[in-house]
Amino acid sequence: MSARADNVRFAPWELQAVQVRATIVGWKIENDNDYHIVIADPGNPGETMIAEPPSSACSGACSSGYGALFQSARQAFVACMGDPPAQFGYRNTTIVAVITGVPMFDVLHGQTGVAPNGIEIHPVISVTFESGC
């Protein structure tokens, strides 16, 4: 994906909510306070992508009126996995979750766990844990 303006959306993907069932590979807190969570296809763990519930203090996404959903998702991740580390940490236990959010194509810049086409679930609006918590 090439660089683009943040206010450009790619229909239909970035204009809808999706739900994925995934294994949590690992996570960290980013400089902007978003949680950077790498998830994998349970049937093919080599296929990963990123899911990010934004910080409740963010300026852009949180002005959308969905800030309470972002905060609830973040609290669910912390309740399951503890506080996120500052450096990316792989999980040593298997956690399976159903994650709901809006897809976003990010510019490829060496992110840990990024999908080949840069698609992420960002923002995450809810998470339900099936096992591992």
N, C-alpha and C. Protein backbone atom coordinates (compact mmCIF):
# COMPACT_ATOMS: atom_id res chain seq x y z
N MET A 1 0.85 -1.16 0.00
CA MET A 1 0.00 0.00 0.00
C MET A 1 0.90 1.23 0.00
N SER A 2 0.61 2.17 -0.80
CA SER A 2 1.41 3.38 -0.84
C SER A 2 0.89 4.40 0.17
N ALA A 3 1.69 5.42 0.40
CA ALA A 3 1.28 6.46 1.33
C ALA A 3 0.01 7.13 0.81
N ARG A 4 -0.85 7.53 1.74
CA ARG A 4 -2.11 8.16 1.36
C ARG A 4 -2.58 9.06 2.49
N ALA A 5 -3.53 9.89 2.18
CA ALA A 5 -4.10 10.77 3.21
C ALA A 5 -4.91 9.95 4.20
N ASP A 6 -4.88 10.34 5.47
CA ASP A 6 -5.61 9.61 6.50
C ASP A 6 -7.12 9.70 6.33
N ASN A 7 -7.60 10.66 5.58
CA ASN A 7 -9.05 10.81 5.44
C ASN A 7 -9.60 10.13 4.19
N VAL A 8 -8.79 9.34 3.50
CA VAL A 8 -9.24 8.59 2.34
C VAL A 8 -9.58 7.18 2.79
N ARG A 9 -10.74 6.66 2.42
CA ARG A 9 -11.16 5.32 2.81
C ARG A 9 -11.35 4.48 1.57
N PHE A 10 -10.99 3.20 1.66
CA PHE A 10 -11.11 2.27 0.55
C PHE A 10 -12.36 1.43 0.73
N ALA A 11 -13.37 1.73 -0.08
CA ALA A 11 -14.63 0.98 -0.04
C ALA A 11 -14.42 -0.37 -0.72
N PRO A 12 -15.09 -1.41 -0.29
CA PRO A 12 -16.02 -1.41 0.84
C PRO A 12 -15.33 -1.71 2.16
N TRP A 13 -14.06 -2.12 2.14
CA TRP A 13 -13.39 -2.65 3.33
C TRP A 13 -13.32 -1.68 4.49
N GLU A 14 -12.92 -0.47 4.25
CA GLU A 14 -12.72 0.47 5.36
C GLU A 14 -14.01 1.19 5.77
N LEU A 15 -15.13 0.75 5.24
CA LEU A 15 -16.41 1.39 5.55
C LEU A 15 -17.37 0.44 6.25
N GLN A 16 -16.85 -0.63 6.84
CA GLN A 16 -17.71 -1.62 7.49
C GLN A 16 -16.99 -2.22 8.69
N ALA A 17 -17.76 -2.79 9.57
CA ALA A 17 -17.18 -3.55 10.69
C ALA A 17 -17.06 -5.01 10.26
N VAL A 18 -16.00 -5.65 10.71
CA VAL A 18 -15.78 -7.07 10.44
C VAL A 18 -15.52 -7.78 11.76
N GLN A 19 -15.61 -9.09 11.71
CA GLN A 19 -15.35 -9.91 12.88
C GLN A 19 -14.41 -11.03 12.46
N VAL A 20 -13.35 -11.24 13.24
CA VAL A 20 -12.41 -12.33 12.98
C VAL A 20 -12.20 -13.15 14.24
N ARG A 21 -12.02 -14.43 14.05
CA ARG A 21 -11.66 -15.34 15.13
C ARG A 21 -10.17 -15.58 14.99
N ALA A 22 -9.41 -15.33 16.03
CA ALA A 22 -7.96 -15.35 15.91
C ALA A 22 -7.28 -15.80 17.19
N THR A 23 -6.03 -16.21 17.04
CA THR A 23 -5.15 -16.50 18.16
C THR A 23 -4.31 -15.26 18.41
N ILE A 24 -4.16 -14.87 19.67
CA ILE A 24 -3.32 -13.73 20.03
C ILE A 24 -1.86 -14.20 20.01
N VAL A 25 -1.05 -13.56 19.18
CA VAL A 25 0.37 -13.91 19.06
C VAL A 25 1.19 -13.15 20.10
N GLY A 26 0.90 -11.86 20.24
CA GLY A 26 1.63 -11.02 21.18
C GLY A 26 1.15 -9.60 21.07
N TRP A 27 1.74 -8.73 21.91
CA TRP A 27 1.30 -7.34 21.90
C TRP A 27 2.28 -6.41 22.56
N LYS A 28 1.98 -5.12 22.44
CA LYS A 28 2.74 -4.06 23.10
C LYS A 28 1.89 -2.80 23.10
N ILE A 29 2.32 -1.82 23.86
CA ILE A 29 1.69 -0.50 23.80
C ILE A 29 2.58 0.36 22.92
N GLU A 30 1.97 1.12 22.03
CA GLU A 30 2.73 1.96 21.10
C GLU A 30 2.93 3.36 21.66
N ASN A 31 3.77 4.14 20.99
CA ASN A 31 4.05 5.51 21.44
C ASN A 31 2.79 6.37 21.50
N ASP A 32 1.81 6.09 20.63
CA ASP A 32 0.56 6.85 20.64
C ASP A 32 -0.46 6.26 21.62
N ASN A 33 -0.03 5.28 22.42
CA ASN A 33 -0.83 4.59 23.44
C ASN A 33 -1.86 3.62 22.88
N ASP A 34 -1.89 3.39 21.57
CA ASP A 34 -2.72 2.32 21.02
C ASP A 34 -2.09 0.98 21.43
N TYR A 35 -2.91 -0.04 21.56
CA TYR A 35 -2.40 -1.39 21.78
C TYR A 35 -2.15 -2.01 20.41
N HIS A 36 -0.94 -2.48 20.17
CA HIS A 36 -0.55 -3.14 18.93
C HIS A 36 -0.61 -4.64 19.22
N ILE A 37 -1.65 -5.30 18.70
CA ILE A 37 -1.88 -6.72 18.98
C ILE A 37 -1.73 -7.50 17.69
N VAL A 38 -0.83 -8.46 17.70
CA VAL A 38 -0.66 -9.33 16.52
C VAL A 38 -1.54 -10.55 16.72
N ILE A 39 -2.37 -10.80 15.71
CA ILE A 39 -3.28 -11.94 15.74
C ILE A 39 -2.97 -12.86 14.57
N ALA A 40 -3.34 -14.13 14.71
CA ALA A 40 -3.08 -15.12 13.67
C ALA A 40 -4.31 -15.95 13.39
N ASP A 41 -4.37 -16.46 12.19
CA ASP A 41 -5.41 -17.41 11.81
C ASP A 41 -5.18 -18.69 12.62
N PRO A 42 -6.16 -19.15 13.41
CA PRO A 42 -5.95 -20.36 14.21
C PRO A 42 -5.60 -21.58 13.36
N GLY A 43 -6.07 -21.62 12.12
CA GLY A 43 -5.78 -22.75 11.24
C GLY A 43 -4.47 -22.62 10.49
N ASN A 44 -3.88 -21.42 10.49
CA ASN A 44 -2.62 -21.18 9.80
C ASN A 44 -1.87 -20.08 10.56
N PRO A 45 -1.18 -20.44 11.63
CA PRO A 45 -0.57 -19.43 12.51
C PRO A 45 0.48 -18.55 11.85
N GLY A 46 0.94 -18.92 10.65
CA GLY A 46 1.90 -18.07 9.94
C GLY A 46 1.25 -16.87 9.28
N GLU A 47 -0.08 -16.86 9.19
CA GLU A 47 -0.80 -15.74 8.60
C GLU A 47 -1.23 -14.81 9.73
N THR A 48 -0.58 -13.65 9.80
CA THR A 48 -0.84 -12.71 10.88
C THR A 48 -1.31 -11.37 10.34
N MET A 49 -1.89 -10.62 11.24
CA MET A 49 -2.25 -9.23 10.98
C MET A 49 -2.29 -8.50 12.31
N ILE A 50 -2.50 -7.21 12.25
CA ILE A 50 -2.50 -6.37 13.44
C ILE A 50 -3.93 -5.95 13.77
N ALA A 51 -4.22 -5.90 15.06
CA ALA A 51 -5.48 -5.34 15.57
C ALA A 51 -5.10 -4.28 16.60
N GLU A 52 -5.75 -3.13 16.55
CA GLU A 52 -5.42 -2.05 17.48
C GLU A 52 -6.66 -1.39 18.06
N PRO A 53 -6.88 -1.56 19.37
CA PRO A 53 -7.86 -0.71 20.03
C PRO A 53 -7.15 0.60 20.41
N PRO A 54 -7.64 1.73 19.90
CA PRO A 54 -6.95 2.99 20.16
C PRO A 54 -7.07 3.44 21.61
N SER A 55 -6.19 4.33 21.96
CA SER A 55 -6.23 4.96 23.28
C SER A 55 -7.51 5.76 23.42
N SER A 56 -8.07 5.77 24.60
CA SER A 56 -9.27 6.56 24.84
C SER A 56 -8.97 8.05 24.84
N ALA A 57 -7.69 8.40 24.84
CA ALA A 57 -7.29 9.81 24.81
C ALA A 57 -6.94 10.27 23.39
N CYS A 58 -7.18 9.43 22.39
CA CYS A 58 -6.82 9.80 21.02
C CYS A 58 -7.69 10.97 20.55
N SER A 59 -7.19 11.69 19.57
CA SER A 59 -7.95 12.84 19.09
C SER A 59 -8.85 12.48 17.92
N GLY A 60 -8.36 11.72 16.95
CA GLY A 60 -9.12 11.43 15.74
C GLY A 60 -10.24 10.45 15.94
N ALA A 61 -9.90 9.19 16.16
CA ALA A 61 -10.91 8.13 16.25
C ALA A 61 -11.86 8.35 17.42
N CYS A 62 -11.35 8.87 18.51
CA CYS A 62 -12.21 9.02 19.69
C CYS A 62 -13.23 10.13 19.54
N SER A 63 -13.01 11.04 18.61
CA SER A 63 -14.02 12.07 18.36
C SER A 63 -15.19 11.50 17.58
N SER A 64 -15.09 10.23 17.16
CA SER A 64 -16.15 9.58 16.40
C SER A 64 -17.35 9.22 17.27
N GLY A 65 -17.19 9.25 18.57
CA GLY A 65 -18.28 8.86 19.46
C GLY A 65 -18.20 7.40 19.90
N TYR A 66 -17.17 6.68 19.46
CA TYR A 66 -17.01 5.27 19.80
C TYR A 66 -15.95 5.05 20.87
N GLY A 67 -15.50 6.10 21.51
CA GLY A 67 -14.45 6.00 22.52
C GLY A 67 -14.74 5.02 23.63
N ALA A 68 -15.99 4.93 24.06
CA ALA A 68 -16.35 4.00 25.13
C ALA A 68 -16.16 2.55 24.68
N LEU A 69 -16.42 2.28 23.40
CA LEU A 69 -16.19 0.92 22.87
C LEU A 69 -14.70 0.60 22.83
N PHE A 70 -13.88 1.57 22.40
CA PHE A 70 -12.44 1.35 22.37
C PHE A 70 -11.93 1.05 23.78
N GLN A 71 -12.39 1.85 24.74
CA GLN A 71 -11.94 1.67 26.12
C GLN A 71 -12.37 0.32 26.68
N SER A 72 -13.59 -0.10 26.37
CA SER A 72 -14.07 -1.40 26.83
C SER A 72 -13.24 -2.53 26.24
N ALA A 73 -12.89 -2.43 24.96
CA ALA A 73 -12.05 -3.46 24.33
C ALA A 73 -10.67 -3.49 24.99
N ARG A 74 -10.10 -2.32 25.23
CA ARG A 74 -8.78 -2.26 25.88
C ARG A 74 -8.83 -2.90 27.27
N GLN A 75 -9.88 -2.60 28.03
CA GLN A 75 -10.01 -3.17 29.37
C GLN A 75 -10.14 -4.69 29.31
N ALA A 76 -10.82 -5.20 28.29
CA ALA A 76 -10.96 -6.66 28.14
C ALA A 76 -9.60 -7.30 27.86
N PHE A 77 -8.79 -6.68 27.01
CA PHE A 77 -7.46 -7.23 26.73
C PHE A 77 -6.61 -7.23 27.99
N VAL A 78 -6.64 -6.15 28.76
CA VAL A 78 -5.85 -6.06 29.99
C VAL A 78 -6.35 -7.08 31.01
N ALA A 79 -7.66 -7.25 31.12
CA ALA A 79 -8.21 -8.23 32.07
C ALA A 79 -7.75 -9.64 31.72
N CYS A 80 -7.59 -9.92 30.45
CA CYS A 80 -7.17 -11.25 30.01
C CYS A 80 -5.65 -11.43 30.10
N MET A 81 -4.89 -10.41 29.66
CA MET A 81 -3.45 -10.60 29.45
C MET A 81 -2.56 -9.75 30.34
N GLY A 82 -3.14 -8.93 31.22
CA GLY A 82 -2.33 -8.03 32.03
C GLY A 82 -1.99 -6.78 31.24
N ASP A 83 -1.16 -5.93 31.80
CA ASP A 83 -0.78 -4.69 31.11
C ASP A 83 0.15 -4.99 29.94
N PRO A 84 -0.01 -4.26 28.84
CA PRO A 84 0.85 -4.50 27.68
C PRO A 84 2.28 -4.03 27.94
N PRO A 85 3.25 -4.77 27.44
CA PRO A 85 4.64 -4.35 27.61
C PRO A 85 4.99 -3.20 26.66
N ALA A 86 6.06 -2.48 26.97
CA ALA A 86 6.53 -1.39 26.11
C ALA A 86 7.19 -1.94 24.84
N GLN A 87 7.79 -3.12 24.95
CA GLN A 87 8.39 -3.79 23.79
C GLN A 87 7.53 -4.99 23.44
N PHE A 88 7.45 -5.32 22.16
CA PHE A 88 6.60 -6.42 21.74
C PHE A 88 6.95 -7.70 22.48
N GLY A 89 5.93 -8.35 23.02
CA GLY A 89 6.12 -9.60 23.73
C GLY A 89 5.21 -10.68 23.16
N TYR A 90 5.81 -11.82 22.85
CA TYR A 90 5.04 -12.96 22.35
C TYR A 90 4.34 -13.65 23.51
N ARG A 91 3.15 -14.17 23.26
CA ARG A 91 2.39 -14.91 24.27
C ARG A 91 2.94 -16.33 24.37
N ASN A 92 3.05 -16.85 25.58
CA ASN A 92 3.48 -18.24 25.74
C ASN A 92 2.30 -19.14 26.09
N THR A 93 1.10 -18.57 26.07
CA THR A 93 -0.13 -19.36 26.24
C THR A 93 -1.04 -19.07 25.05
N THR A 94 -1.91 -20.01 24.74
CA THR A 94 -2.81 -19.85 23.61
C THR A 94 -4.09 -19.14 24.05
N ILE A 95 -4.35 -18.01 23.44
CA ILE A 95 -5.57 -17.25 23.69
C ILE A 95 -6.30 -17.12 22.37
N VAL A 96 -7.56 -17.55 22.34
CA VAL A 96 -8.38 -17.42 21.14
C VAL A 96 -9.47 -16.39 21.42
N ALA A 97 -9.62 -15.46 20.48
CA ALA A 97 -10.57 -14.37 20.66
C ALA A 97 -11.35 -14.10 19.38
N VAL A 98 -12.53 -13.53 19.54
CA VAL A 98 -13.30 -13.00 18.43
C VAL A 98 -13.21 -11.49 18.54
N ILE A 99 -12.63 -10.88 17.51
CA ILE A 99 -12.35 -9.44 17.52
C ILE A 99 -13.23 -8.77 16.46
N THR A 100 -13.89 -7.70 16.86
CA THR A 100 -14.72 -6.93 15.95
C THR A 100 -14.12 -5.54 15.82
N GLY A 101 -14.07 -5.06 14.59
CA GLY A 101 -13.54 -3.72 14.35
C GLY A 101 -13.64 -3.34 12.89
N VAL A 102 -13.03 -2.22 12.58
CA VAL A 102 -13.07 -1.68 11.23
C VAL A 102 -11.71 -1.89 10.56
N PRO A 103 -11.71 -2.49 9.37
CA PRO A 103 -10.44 -2.67 8.66
C PRO A 103 -9.85 -1.32 8.23
N MET A 104 -8.53 -1.29 8.19
CA MET A 104 -7.81 -0.12 7.72
C MET A 104 -6.54 -0.60 7.01
N PHE A 105 -6.26 -0.07 5.85
CA PHE A 105 -5.01 -0.38 5.17
C PHE A 105 -3.95 0.61 5.64
N ASP A 106 -2.95 0.10 6.35
CA ASP A 106 -1.87 0.95 6.84
C ASP A 106 -0.71 0.89 5.85
N VAL A 107 0.09 1.92 5.86
CA VAL A 107 1.31 1.93 5.06
C VAL A 107 2.29 0.94 5.69
N LEU A 108 2.91 0.12 4.86
CA LEU A 108 3.89 -0.84 5.37
C LEU A 108 5.15 -0.08 5.81
N HIS A 109 5.50 -0.25 7.09
CA HIS A 109 6.70 0.41 7.60
C HIS A 109 7.44 -0.48 8.61
N GLY A 110 7.39 -1.78 8.36
CA GLY A 110 8.14 -2.72 9.20
C GLY A 110 7.44 -3.13 10.48
N GLN A 111 6.13 -2.99 10.55
CA GLN A 111 5.39 -3.34 11.75
C GLN A 111 5.52 -4.84 12.05
N THR A 112 5.64 -5.18 13.31
CA THR A 112 5.63 -6.57 13.73
C THR A 112 4.26 -7.17 13.47
N GLY A 113 4.22 -8.29 12.75
CA GLY A 113 2.98 -9.01 12.51
C GLY A 113 2.10 -8.46 11.41
N VAL A 114 2.56 -7.49 10.66
CA VAL A 114 1.74 -6.86 9.63
C VAL A 114 1.35 -7.86 8.54
N ALA A 115 0.12 -7.72 8.03
CA ALA A 115 -0.33 -8.52 6.90
C ALA A 115 0.41 -8.04 5.64
N PRO A 116 0.58 -8.91 4.66
CA PRO A 116 1.31 -8.52 3.44
C PRO A 116 0.75 -7.28 2.75
N ASN A 117 -0.55 -7.07 2.84
CA ASN A 117 -1.16 -5.90 2.18
C ASN A 117 -1.38 -4.73 3.14
N GLY A 118 -0.94 -4.86 4.38
CA GLY A 118 -1.04 -3.78 5.36
C GLY A 118 -2.39 -3.64 6.04
N ILE A 119 -3.33 -4.56 5.76
CA ILE A 119 -4.64 -4.41 6.38
C ILE A 119 -4.56 -4.72 7.88
N GLU A 120 -5.26 -3.93 8.65
CA GLU A 120 -5.34 -4.10 10.11
C GLU A 120 -6.80 -4.01 10.52
N ILE A 121 -7.08 -4.41 11.73
CA ILE A 121 -8.36 -4.08 12.34
C ILE A 121 -8.05 -2.94 13.29
N HIS A 122 -8.43 -1.74 12.85
CA HIS A 122 -8.04 -0.53 13.57
C HIS A 122 -9.05 0.57 13.25
N PRO A 123 -10.01 0.76 14.08
CA PRO A 123 -10.05 0.44 15.49
C PRO A 123 -10.75 -0.88 15.81
N VAL A 124 -10.29 -1.51 16.89
CA VAL A 124 -11.02 -2.63 17.49
C VAL A 124 -12.13 -2.02 18.32
N ILE A 125 -13.36 -2.53 18.14
CA ILE A 125 -14.48 -1.99 18.91
C ILE A 125 -15.01 -2.98 19.95
N SER A 126 -14.66 -4.27 19.80
CA SER A 126 -15.02 -5.23 20.85
C SER A 126 -14.18 -6.49 20.71
N VAL A 127 -14.09 -7.21 21.81
CA VAL A 127 -13.39 -8.50 21.83
C VAL A 127 -14.09 -9.41 22.80
N THR A 128 -14.21 -10.68 22.39
CA THR A 128 -14.73 -11.72 23.25
C THR A 128 -13.71 -12.84 23.24
N PHE A 129 -13.33 -13.31 24.42
CA PHE A 129 -12.32 -14.36 24.52
C PHE A 129 -13.02 -15.72 24.59
N GLU A 130 -12.62 -16.62 23.71
CA GLU A 130 -13.18 -17.98 23.69
C GLU A 130 -12.42 -18.90 24.64
N SER A 131 -11.11 -18.73 24.71
CA SER A 131 -10.30 -19.59 25.57
C SER A 131 -8.97 -18.92 25.87
N GLY A 132 -8.35 -19.36 26.94
CA GLY A 132 -7.01 -18.93 27.27
C GLY A 132 -6.89 -17.84 28.32
N CYS A 133 -8.01 -17.26 28.73
CA CYS A 133 -7.93 -16.20 29.76
C CYS A 133 -8.16 -16.79 31.13
